[in-house]
Amino acid sequence: MYDLMVRNIELNDLTDRVKASIYDWGQPTPAAVPAHPDVILAADCVYFEPAFEPLRHTLIDLIGDSTKCYFCFKKRRRADLHFIKAAKKTFDVVEITDDPDYQTYARENVHLCV
């Protein structure tokens, strides 16, 4: 996956502004990752229940006062909503429902939160 991220950055001519890194959830923040990045994009990260707590702790470590986190997930099991409920206890989570395509992805149980 790392090589794919690097290639995508190159194809989009973003090498001067974007850097790919590997970050294992629940582990200390790698030196290459800013303490509190401006933007976090987390897509389809909620699929394996034992990883929910390491993911939540990683987000706690990364999200600062001015960090904007875009979080998208597909609800596959009832347990998937447990992650969002836990996140709402820690963060100000708002589901995006005013997107013009909201009904399209909502039918597929896809949720976009910020």
Protein backbone atom coordinates (compact mmCIF):
# COMPACT_ATOMS: atom_id res chain seq x y z
CA MET A 1 0.00 0.00 0.00
CA TYR A 2 2.87 2.36 0.76
CA ASP A 3 4.23 2.11 -2.79
CA LEU A 4 0.76 2.84 -4.15
CA MET A 5 0.51 5.97 -1.97
CA VAL A 6 3.91 7.18 -3.15
CA ARG A 7 2.98 6.57 -6.78
CA ASN A 8 -0.32 8.41 -6.35
CA ILE A 9 1.51 11.41 -4.87
CA GLU A 10 3.91 11.41 -7.82
CA LEU A 11 1.13 11.08 -10.42
CA ASN A 12 -0.65 14.06 -8.88
CA ASP A 13 2.57 16.11 -8.85
CA LEU A 14 2.39 16.62 -5.08
CA THR A 15 5.85 15.43 -4.02
CA ASP A 16 6.79 18.91 -2.80
CA ARG A 17 3.74 19.10 -0.47
CA VAL A 18 2.66 15.56 0.44
CA LYS A 19 4.64 12.76 2.03
CA ALA A 20 3.46 9.18 2.49
CA SER A 21 4.33 7.40 5.73
CA ILE A 22 3.47 4.19 7.51
CA TYR A 23 1.75 4.57 10.87
CA ASP A 24 0.71 1.48 12.82
CA TRP A 25 -2.33 2.39 14.90
CA GLY A 26 -1.72 2.44 18.62
CA GLN A 27 2.04 2.84 18.20
CA PRO A 28 3.96 6.04 18.94
CA THR A 29 3.65 8.68 16.25
CA PRO A 30 6.47 8.27 13.69
CA ALA A 31 8.93 11.16 13.45
CA ALA A 32 7.88 11.79 9.82
CA VAL A 33 4.28 12.50 10.89
CA PRO A 34 3.51 16.00 12.21
CA ALA A 35 2.33 16.06 15.84
CA HIS A 36 -1.01 17.60 14.82
CA PRO A 37 -1.49 17.62 11.05
CA ASP A 38 -3.85 20.12 9.42
CA VAL A 39 -5.92 17.37 7.79
CA ILE A 40 -6.50 13.70 8.50
CA LEU A 41 -8.26 11.62 5.87
CA ALA A 42 -9.43 8.27 7.21
CA ALA A 43 -11.35 6.15 4.72
CA ASP A 44 -12.67 2.64 5.34
CA CYS A 45 -10.70 2.19 8.57
CA VAL A 46 -13.58 0.65 10.54
CA TYR A 47 -13.77 -3.00 9.54
CA PHE A 48 -11.91 -4.98 12.22
CA GLU A 49 -13.28 -4.59 15.73
CA PRO A 50 -10.03 -5.39 17.62
CA ALA A 51 -8.44 -2.41 15.83
CA PHE A 52 -11.06 0.10 17.02
CA GLU A 53 -9.22 1.10 20.21
CA PRO A 54 -5.78 1.46 18.59
CA LEU A 55 -7.39 3.58 15.85
CA ARG A 56 -9.18 5.77 18.41
CA HIS A 57 -5.96 6.27 20.40
CA THR A 58 -4.07 7.13 17.21
CA LEU A 59 -6.67 9.78 16.38
CA ILE A 60 -6.41 11.13 19.95
CA ASP A 61 -2.64 11.44 19.46
CA LEU A 62 -2.93 13.14 16.07
CA ILE A 63 -5.91 15.48 16.32
CA GLY A 64 -5.04 18.94 17.59
CA ASP A 65 -7.11 22.10 18.04
CA SER A 66 -6.89 23.06 14.36
CA THR A 67 -6.87 19.55 12.84
CA LYS A 68 -9.75 18.69 10.53
CA CYS A 69 -10.45 14.95 10.35
CA TYR A 70 -12.54 13.56 7.51
CA PHE A 71 -13.69 10.07 8.40
CA CYS A 72 -15.58 7.82 6.00
CA PHE A 73 -16.71 4.28 6.78
CA LYS A 74 -19.14 1.66 5.59
CA LYS A 75 -21.37 0.15 8.25
CA ARG A 76 -21.07 -3.58 7.69
CA ARG A 77 -21.91 -4.82 11.18
CA ARG A 78 -23.58 -3.38 14.23
CA ALA A 79 -20.16 -3.25 15.90
CA ASP A 80 -18.99 -0.67 13.36
CA LEU A 81 -21.26 1.90 14.99
CA HIS A 82 -19.60 1.18 18.34
CA PHE A 83 -16.47 2.88 17.02
CA ILE A 84 -18.38 6.03 16.09
CA LYS A 85 -20.16 6.06 19.47
CA ALA A 86 -16.78 5.83 21.23
CA ALA A 87 -15.35 8.54 18.96
CA LYS A 88 -18.28 10.84 19.78
CA LYS A 89 -17.34 10.60 23.47
CA THR A 90 -13.86 11.92 22.63
CA PHE A 91 -14.35 14.17 19.59
CA ASP A 92 -16.94 16.51 18.14
CA VAL A 93 -18.20 14.17 15.38
CA VAL A 94 -20.70 15.43 12.82
CA GLU A 95 -22.09 13.26 10.04
CA ILE A 96 -22.23 15.08 6.71
CA THR A 97 -25.78 14.88 5.40
CA ASP A 98 -25.97 18.00 3.23
CA ASP A 99 -23.75 16.60 0.48
CA PRO A 100 -25.56 16.41 -2.90
CA ASP A 101 -24.64 12.70 -3.13
CA TYR A 102 -25.62 11.86 0.44
CA GLN A 103 -28.61 9.69 -0.51
CA THR A 104 -26.49 7.70 -2.94
CA TYR A 105 -23.86 6.65 -0.44
CA ALA A 106 -26.32 6.42 2.47
CA ARG A 107 -28.15 3.65 0.59
CA GLU A 108 -24.87 1.72 0.69
CA ASN A 109 -24.47 2.34 4.45
CA VAL A 110 -21.52 4.64 3.83
CA HIS A 111 -21.09 7.45 6.35
CA LEU A 112 -18.97 10.58 6.00
CA CYS A 113 -18.10 12.40 9.22
CA VAL A 114 -16.01 15.41 10.06
